[in-house]
PDB file of N, CA and C in Angstrom:
ATOM      1  N   MET A   1      16.954 -25.523   1.427  1.00  0.00           N
ATOM      2  CA  MET A   1      16.410 -24.230   1.046  1.00  0.00           C
ATOM      3  C   MET A   1      14.897 -24.250   1.250  1.00  0.00           C
ATOM      4  N   GLY A   2      14.336 -23.123   1.757  1.00  0.00           N
ATOM      5  CA  GLY A   2      12.911 -23.036   2.023  1.00  0.00           C
ATOM      6  C   GLY A   2      12.104 -22.885   0.753  1.00  0.00           C
ATOM      7  N   LYS A   3      10.799 -22.738   0.937  1.00  0.00           N
ATOM      8  CA  LYS A   3       9.927 -22.544  -0.220  1.00  0.00           C
ATOM      9  C   LYS A   3      10.289 -21.264  -0.951  1.00  0.00           C
ATOM     10  N   LYS A   4      10.320 -21.360  -2.268  1.00  0.00           N
ATOM     11  CA  LYS A   4      10.663 -20.196  -3.078  1.00  0.00           C
ATOM     12  C   LYS A   4       9.450 -19.279  -3.256  1.00  0.00           C
ATOM     13  N   TYR A   5       8.254 -19.884  -3.351  1.00  0.00           N
ATOM     14  CA  TYR A   5       7.035 -19.119  -3.576  1.00  0.00           C
ATOM     15  C   TYR A   5       5.988 -19.508  -2.537  1.00  0.00           C
ATOM     16  N   ALA A   6       5.139 -18.532  -2.173  1.00  0.00           N
ATOM     17  CA  ALA A   6       4.061 -18.812  -1.229  1.00  0.00           C
ATOM     18  C   ALA A   6       3.004 -19.702  -1.884  1.00  0.00           C
ATOM     19  N   VAL A   7       2.731 -19.443  -3.162  1.00  0.00           N
ATOM     20  CA  VAL A   7       1.751 -20.230  -3.898  1.00  0.00           C
ATOM     21  C   VAL A   7       2.032 -20.079  -5.393  1.00  0.00           C
ATOM     22  N   THR A   8       1.695 -21.094  -6.161  1.00  0.00           N
ATOM     23  CA  THR A   8       1.870 -21.058  -7.613  1.00  0.00           C
ATOM     24  C   THR A   8       0.551 -21.451  -8.274  1.00  0.00           C
ATOM     25  N   TYR A   9       0.146 -20.677  -9.280  1.00  0.00           N
ATOM     26  CA  TYR A   9      -1.078 -20.959 -10.027  1.00  0.00           C
ATOM     27  C   TYR A   9      -0.711 -21.258 -11.467  1.00  0.00           C
ATOM     28  N   LYS A  10      -1.417 -22.197 -12.071  1.00  0.00           N
ATOM     29  CA  LYS A  10      -1.296 -22.483 -13.503  1.00  0.00           C
ATOM     30  C   LYS A  10      -2.592 -22.006 -14.151  1.00  0.00           C
ATOM     31  N   LEU A  11      -2.465 -21.063 -15.069  1.00  0.00           N
ATOM     32  CA  LEU A  11      -3.619 -20.527 -15.780  1.00  0.00           C
ATOM     33  C   LEU A  11      -3.394 -20.767 -17.262  1.00  0.00           C
ATOM     34  N   GLY A  12      -3.886 -21.872 -17.743  1.00  0.00           N
ATOM     35  CA  GLY A  12      -3.616 -22.242 -19.139  1.00  0.00           C
ATOM     36  C   GLY A  12      -2.137 -22.531 -19.303  1.00  0.00           C
ATOM     37  N   LYS A  13      -1.483 -21.803 -20.211  1.00  0.00           N
ATOM     38  CA  LYS A  13      -0.054 -21.984 -20.425  1.00  0.00           C
ATOM     39  C   LYS A  13       0.788 -21.031 -19.562  1.00  0.00           C
ATOM     40  N   THR A  14       0.117 -20.289 -18.687  1.00  0.00           N
ATOM     41  CA  THR A  14       0.804 -19.300 -17.868  1.00  0.00           C
ATOM     42  C   THR A  14       0.961 -19.793 -16.440  1.00  0.00           C
ATOM     43  N   THR A  15       2.157 -19.620 -15.892  1.00  0.00           N
ATOM     44  CA  THR A  15       2.421 -19.945 -14.498  1.00  0.00           C
ATOM     45  C   THR A  15       2.604 -18.645 -13.723  1.00  0.00           C
ATOM     46  N   VAL A  16       1.873 -18.502 -12.619  1.00  0.00           N
ATOM     47  CA  VAL A  16       1.961 -17.310 -11.785  1.00  0.00           C
ATOM     48  C   VAL A  16       2.486 -17.730 -10.423  1.00  0.00           C
ATOM     49  N   HIS A  17       3.625 -17.164 -10.022  1.00  0.00           N
ATOM     50  CA  HIS A  17       4.211 -17.424  -8.714  1.00  0.00           C
ATOM     51  C   HIS A  17       3.926 -16.220  -7.813  1.00  0.00           C
ATOM     52  N   ILE A  18       3.408 -16.475  -6.623  1.00  0.00           N
ATOM     53  CA  ILE A  18       3.144 -15.418  -5.648  1.00  0.00           C
ATOM     54  C   ILE A  18       4.219 -15.513  -4.574  1.00  0.00           C
ATOM     55  N   VAL A  19       4.907 -14.411  -4.355  1.00  0.00           N
ATOM     56  CA  VAL A  19       5.968 -14.354  -3.353  1.00  0.00           C
ATOM     57  C   VAL A  19       5.424 -13.622  -2.134  1.00  0.00           C
ATOM     58  N   ALA A  20       5.514 -14.235  -0.971  1.00  0.00           N
ATOM     59  CA  ALA A  20       5.049 -13.628   0.268  1.00  0.00           C
ATOM     60  C   ALA A  20       6.244 -13.071   1.033  1.00  0.00           C
ATOM     61  N   PRO A  21       6.025 -12.004   1.783  1.00  0.00           N
ATOM     62  CA  PRO A  21       7.130 -11.483   2.589  1.00  0.00           C
ATOM     63  C   PRO A  21       7.477 -12.469   3.704  1.00  0.00           C
ATOM     64  N   PRO A  22       8.689 -12.401   4.198  1.00  0.00           N
ATOM     65  CA  PRO A  22       9.063 -13.289   5.296  1.00  0.00           C
ATOM     66  C   PRO A  22       8.299 -12.920   6.561  1.00  0.00           C
ATOM     67  N   PRO A  23       8.129 -13.856   7.471  1.00  0.00           N
ATOM     68  CA  PRO A  23       7.461 -13.526   8.735  1.00  0.00           C
ATOM     69  C   PRO A  23       8.225 -12.406   9.445  1.00  0.00           C
ATOM     70  N   MET A  24       7.494 -11.473  10.028  1.00  0.00           N
ATOM     71  CA  MET A  24       8.151 -10.373  10.742  1.00  0.00           C
ATOM     72  C   MET A  24       7.297  -9.899  11.894  1.00  0.00           C
ATOM     73  N   LYS A  25       7.943  -9.238  12.828  1.00  0.00           N
ATOM     74  CA  LYS A  25       7.255  -8.698  14.005  1.00  0.00           C
ATOM     75  C   LYS A  25       6.421  -7.496  13.597  1.00  0.00           C
ATOM     76  N   GLU A  26       5.446  -7.188  14.415  1.00  0.00           N
ATOM     77  CA  GLU A  26       4.552  -6.053  14.147  1.00  0.00           C
ATOM     78  C   GLU A  26       5.349  -4.739  14.057  1.00  0.00           C
ATOM     79  N   GLU A  27       6.374  -4.595  14.891  1.00  0.00           N
ATOM     80  CA  GLU A  27       7.202  -3.380  14.865  1.00  0.00           C
ATOM     81  C   GLU A  27       7.911  -3.229  13.522  1.00  0.00           C
ATOM     82  N   GLU A  28       8.383  -4.355  12.965  1.00  0.00           N
ATOM     83  CA  GLU A  28       9.047  -4.321  11.667  1.00  0.00           C
ATOM     84  C   GLU A  28       8.070  -3.905  10.563  1.00  0.00           C
ATOM     85  N   LYS A  29       6.829  -4.418  10.660  1.00  0.00           N
ATOM     86  CA  LYS A  29       5.804  -4.044   9.678  1.00  0.00           C
ATOM     87  C   LYS A  29       5.530  -2.551   9.741  1.00  0.00           C
ATOM     88  N   GLU A  30       5.457  -2.011  10.957  1.00  0.00           N
ATOM     89  CA  GLU A  30       5.191  -0.584  11.121  1.00  0.00           C
ATOM     90  C   GLU A  30       6.316   0.267  10.531  1.00  0.00           C
ATOM     91  N   ILE A  31       7.559  -0.159  10.715  1.00  0.00           N
ATOM     92  CA  ILE A  31       8.693   0.571  10.160  1.00  0.00           C
ATOM     93  C   ILE A  31       8.614   0.588   8.635  1.00  0.00           C
ATOM     94  N   ILE A  32       8.328  -0.565   8.040  1.00  0.00           N
ATOM     95  CA  ILE A  32       8.222  -0.655   6.581  1.00  0.00           C
ATOM     96  C   ILE A  32       7.062   0.186   6.078  1.00  0.00           C
ATOM     97  N   LEU A  33       5.937   0.146   6.773  1.00  0.00           N
ATOM     98  CA  LEU A  33       4.779   0.949   6.387  1.00  0.00           C
ATOM     99  C   LEU A  33       5.110   2.438   6.444  1.00  0.00           C
ATOM    100  N   ARG A  34       5.817   2.885   7.484  1.00  0.00           N
ATOM    101  CA  ARG A  34       6.230   4.293   7.577  1.00  0.00           C
ATOM    102  C   ARG A  34       7.169   4.666   6.428  1.00  0.00           C
ATOM    103  N   GLN A  35       8.063   3.744   6.052  1.00  0.00           N
ATOM    104  CA  GLN A  35       8.983   4.011   4.947  1.00  0.00           C
ATOM    105  C   GLN A  35       8.223   4.165   3.625  1.00  0.00           C
ATOM    106  N   PHE A  36       7.233   3.306   3.390  1.00  0.00           N
ATOM    107  CA  PHE A  36       6.404   3.425   2.186  1.00  0.00           C
ATOM    108  C   PHE A  36       5.644   4.749   2.195  1.00  0.00           C
ATOM    109  N   HIS A  37       5.080   5.078   3.348  1.00  0.00           N
ATOM    110  CA  HIS A  37       4.317   6.314   3.496  1.00  0.00           C
ATOM    111  C   HIS A  37       5.213   7.520   3.196  1.00  0.00           C
ATOM    112  N   PHE A  38       6.416   7.528   3.767  1.00  0.00           N
ATOM    113  CA  PHE A  38       7.360   8.620   3.537  1.00  0.00           C
ATOM    114  C   PHE A  38       7.725   8.724   2.055  1.00  0.00           C
ATOM    115  N   ALA A  39       7.990   7.586   1.420  1.00  0.00           N
ATOM    116  CA  ALA A  39       8.355   7.584  -0.006  1.00  0.00           C
ATOM    117  C   ALA A  39       7.205   8.119  -0.862  1.00  0.00           C
ATOM    118  N   ALA A  40       5.982   7.723  -0.522  1.00  0.00           N
ATOM    119  CA  ALA A  40       4.819   8.188  -1.290  1.00  0.00           C
ATOM    120  C   ALA A  40       4.653   9.698  -1.156  1.00  0.00           C
ATOM    121  N   TRP A  41       4.780  10.230   0.058  1.00  0.00           N
ATOM    122  CA  TRP A  41       4.652  11.674   0.252  1.00  0.00           C
ATOM    123  C   TRP A  41       5.798  12.427  -0.422  1.00  0.00           C
ATOM    124  N   THR A  42       6.988  11.843  -0.418  1.00  0.00           N
ATOM    125  CA  THR A  42       8.119  12.466  -1.099  1.00  0.00           C
ATOM    126  C   THR A  42       7.837  12.561  -2.602  1.00  0.00           C
ATOM    127  N   ALA A  43       7.319  11.477  -3.167  1.00  0.00           N
ATOM    128  CA  ALA A  43       6.970  11.483  -4.596  1.00  0.00           C
ATOM    129  C   ALA A  43       5.869  12.505  -4.871  1.00  0.00           C
ATOM    130  N   TRP A  44       4.841  12.520  -4.020  1.00  0.00           N
ATOM    131  CA  TRP A  44       3.730  13.459  -4.185  1.00  0.00           C
ATOM    132  C   TRP A  44       4.233  14.902  -4.134  1.00  0.00           C
ATOM    133  N   ASN A  45       5.057  15.202  -3.137  1.00  0.00           N
ATOM    134  CA  ASN A  45       5.545  16.574  -2.966  1.00  0.00           C
ATOM    135  C   ASN A  45       6.528  16.992  -4.058  1.00  0.00           C
ATOM    136  N   SER A  46       7.062  16.034  -4.802  1.00  0.00           N
ATOM    137  CA  SER A  46       7.969  16.375  -5.901  1.00  0.00           C
ATOM    138  C   SER A  46       7.199  16.860  -7.130  1.00  0.00           C
ATOM    139  N   LEU A  47       5.893  16.611  -7.153  1.00  0.00           N
ATOM    140  CA  LEU A  47       5.074  17.081  -8.277  1.00  0.00           C
ATOM    141  C   LEU A  47       4.840  18.584  -8.172  1.00  0.00           C
ATOM    142  N   PRO A  48       4.727  19.257  -9.302  1.00  0.00           N
ATOM    143  CA  PRO A  48       4.372  20.684  -9.257  1.00  0.00           C
ATOM    144  C   PRO A  48       2.977  20.856  -8.640  1.00  0.00           C
ATOM    145  N   VAL A  49       2.767  21.977  -7.985  1.00  0.00           N
ATOM    146  CA  VAL A  49       1.497  22.233  -7.289  1.00  0.00           C
ATOM    147  C   VAL A  49       0.311  22.135  -8.239  1.00  0.00           C
ATOM    148  N   ASP A  50       0.428  22.683  -9.439  1.00  0.00           N
ATOM    149  CA  ASP A  50      -0.711  22.634 -10.365  1.00  0.00           C
ATOM    150  C   ASP A  50      -1.067  21.192 -10.729  1.00  0.00           C
ATOM    151  N   GLU A  51      -0.060  20.320 -10.831  1.00  0.00           N
ATOM    152  CA  GLU A  51      -0.325  18.910 -11.128  1.00  0.00           C
ATOM    153  C   GLU A  51      -1.023  18.230  -9.951  1.00  0.00           C
ATOM    154  N   ARG A  52      -0.587  18.534  -8.737  1.00  0.00           N
ATOM    155  CA  ARG A  52      -1.236  17.964  -7.544  1.00  0.00           C
ATOM    156  C   ARG A  52      -2.694  18.410  -7.461  1.00  0.00           C
ATOM    157  N   LEU A  53      -2.942  19.670  -7.762  1.00  0.00           N
ATOM    158  CA  LEU A  53      -4.319  20.175  -7.722  1.00  0.00           C
ATOM    159  C   LEU A  53      -5.189  19.471  -8.755  1.00  0.00           C
ATOM    160  N   LYS A  54      -4.650  19.261  -9.963  1.00  0.00           N
ATOM    161  CA  LYS A  54      -5.414  18.555 -11.004  1.00  0.00           C
ATOM    162  C   LYS A  54      -5.755  17.133 -10.551  1.00  0.00           C
ATOM    163  N   LEU A  55      -4.771  16.455  -9.956  1.00  0.00           N
ATOM    164  CA  LEU A  55      -5.004  15.086  -9.500  1.00  0.00           C
ATOM    165  C   LEU A  55      -6.025  15.040  -8.367  1.00  0.00           C
ATOM    166  N   ASN A  56      -6.006  16.030  -7.502  1.00  0.00           N
ATOM    167  CA  ASN A  56      -6.942  16.060  -6.374  1.00  0.00           C
ATOM    168  C   ASN A  56      -8.385  16.267  -6.811  1.00  0.00           C
ATOM    169  N   LEU A  57      -8.592  16.862  -7.975  1.00  0.00           N
ATOM    170  CA  LEU A  57      -9.964  17.104  -8.441  1.00  0.00           C
ATOM    171  C   LEU A  57     -10.746  15.810  -8.626  1.00  0.00           C
ATOM    172  N   GLY A  58     -10.066  14.722  -8.922  1.00  0.00           N
ATOM    173  CA  GLY A  58     -10.745  13.451  -9.161  1.00  0.00           C
ATOM    174  C   GLY A  58     -10.913  12.600  -7.917  1.00  0.00           C
ATOM    175  N   VAL A  59     -10.589  13.135  -6.739  1.00  0.00           N
ATOM    176  CA  VAL A  59     -10.634  12.344  -5.504  1.00  0.00           C
ATOM    177  C   VAL A  59     -11.921  12.621  -4.744  1.00  0.00           C
ATOM    178  N   ASP A  60     -12.564  11.541  -4.286  1.00  0.00           N
ATOM    179  CA  ASP A  60     -13.771  11.664  -3.470  1.00  0.00           C
ATOM    180  C   ASP A  60     -13.344  11.746  -1.998  1.00  0.00           C
ATOM    181  N   LEU A  61     -13.269  12.966  -1.472  1.00  0.00           N
ATOM    182  CA  LEU A  61     -12.798  13.150  -0.102  1.00  0.00           C
ATOM    183  C   LEU A  61     -13.752  12.555   0.923  1.00  0.00           C
ATOM    184  N   THR A  62     -15.029  12.481   0.602  1.00  0.00           N
ATOM    185  CA  THR A  62     -15.994  11.904   1.526  1.00  0.00           C
ATOM    186  C   THR A  62     -15.642  10.452   1.828  1.00  0.00           C
ATOM    187  N   ALA A  63     -15.335   9.676   0.807  1.00  0.00           N
ATOM    188  CA  ALA A  63     -14.981   8.271   0.999  1.00  0.00           C
ATOM    189  C   ALA A  63     -13.703   8.138   1.811  1.00  0.00           C
ATOM    190  N   ILE A  64     -12.735   9.006   1.551  1.00  0.00           N
ATOM    191  CA  ILE A  64     -11.475   8.956   2.285  1.00  0.00           C
ATOM    192  C   ILE A  64     -11.706   9.267   3.759  1.00  0.00           C
ATOM    193  N   LEU A  65     -12.475  10.301   4.033  1.00  0.00           N
ATOM    194  CA  LEU A  65     -12.749  10.667   5.430  1.00  0.00           C
ATOM    195  C   LEU A  65     -13.532   9.573   6.148  1.00  0.00           C
ATOM    196  N   GLN A  66     -14.497   8.971   5.472  1.00  0.00           N
ATOM    197  CA  GLN A  66     -15.261   7.888   6.089  1.00  0.00           C
ATOM    198  C   GLN A  66     -14.345   6.721   6.426  1.00  0.00           C
ATOM    199  N   HIS A  67     -13.431   6.381   5.529  1.00  0.00           N
ATOM    200  CA  HIS A  67     -12.495   5.285   5.777  1.00  0.00           C
ATOM    201  C   HIS A  67     -11.598   5.608   6.969  1.00  0.00           C
ATOM    202  N   ARG A  68     -11.079   6.833   7.012  1.00  0.00           N
ATOM    203  CA  ARG A  68     -10.200   7.236   8.115  1.00  0.00           C
ATOM    204  C   ARG A  68     -10.930   7.182   9.445  1.00  0.00           C
ATOM    205  N   LEU A  69     -12.162   7.673   9.480  1.00  0.00           N
ATOM    206  CA  LEU A  69     -12.941   7.662  10.717  1.00  0.00           C
ATOM    207  C   LEU A  69     -13.246   6.222  11.160  1.00  0.00           C
ATOM    208  N   THR A  70     -13.602   5.374  10.202  1.00  0.00           N
ATOM    209  CA  THR A  70     -13.882   3.980  10.516  1.00  0.00           C
ATOM    210  C   THR A  70     -12.643   3.303  11.092  1.00  0.00           C
ATOM    211  N   THR A  71     -11.488   3.540  10.474  1.00  0.00           N
ATOM    212  CA  THR A  71     -10.241   2.971  10.961  1.00  0.00           C
ATOM    213  C   THR A  71      -9.903   3.503  12.349  1.00  0.00           C
ATOM    214  N   LEU A  72     -10.111   4.776  12.561  1.00  0.00           N
ATOM    215  CA  LEU A  72      -9.808   5.395  13.844  1.00  0.00           C
ATOM    216  C   LEU A  72     -10.656   4.775  14.949  1.00  0.00           C
ATOM    217  N   PHE A  73     -11.957   4.618  14.705  1.00  0.00           N
ATOM    218  CA  PHE A  73     -12.834   4.101  15.737  1.00  0.00           C
ATOM    219  C   PHE A  73     -12.662   2.607  15.970  1.00  0.00           C
ATOM    220  N   LYS A  74     -12.167   1.866  14.974  1.00  0.00           N
ATOM    221  CA  LYS A  74     -11.864   0.451  15.169  1.00  0.00           C
ATOM    222  C   LYS A  74     -10.694   0.279  16.127  1.00  0.00           C
ATOM    223  N   ALA A  75      -9.754   1.223  16.103  1.00  0.00           N
ATOM    224  CA  ALA A  75      -8.555   1.132  16.928  1.00  0.00           C
ATOM    225  C   ALA A  75      -8.882   1.325  18.414  1.00  0.00           C
ATOM    226  N   GLU A  76      -9.976   1.959  18.719  1.00  0.00           N
ATOM    227  CA  GLU A  76     -10.325   2.226  20.136  1.00  0.00           C
ATOM    228  C   GLU A  76     -10.974   1.046  20.800  1.00  0.00           C
TER     229      GLU A  76
END
């Protein structure tokens, strides 16, 4: 049997086991990422509109746009 945990830490009397995902191809990672993205949007869209608007009030859109632009230009 292979390793059960990627790494284990002992913090005083507490043991923390870190589990890493199995090795996978880039295409598999993209599929999983799309599935997470879809699930998140499904959850978001299930909220009432007034609740979504309230949550959006606390978001700094400037930081989000800067991150998106930086990511976009790194890909080129």
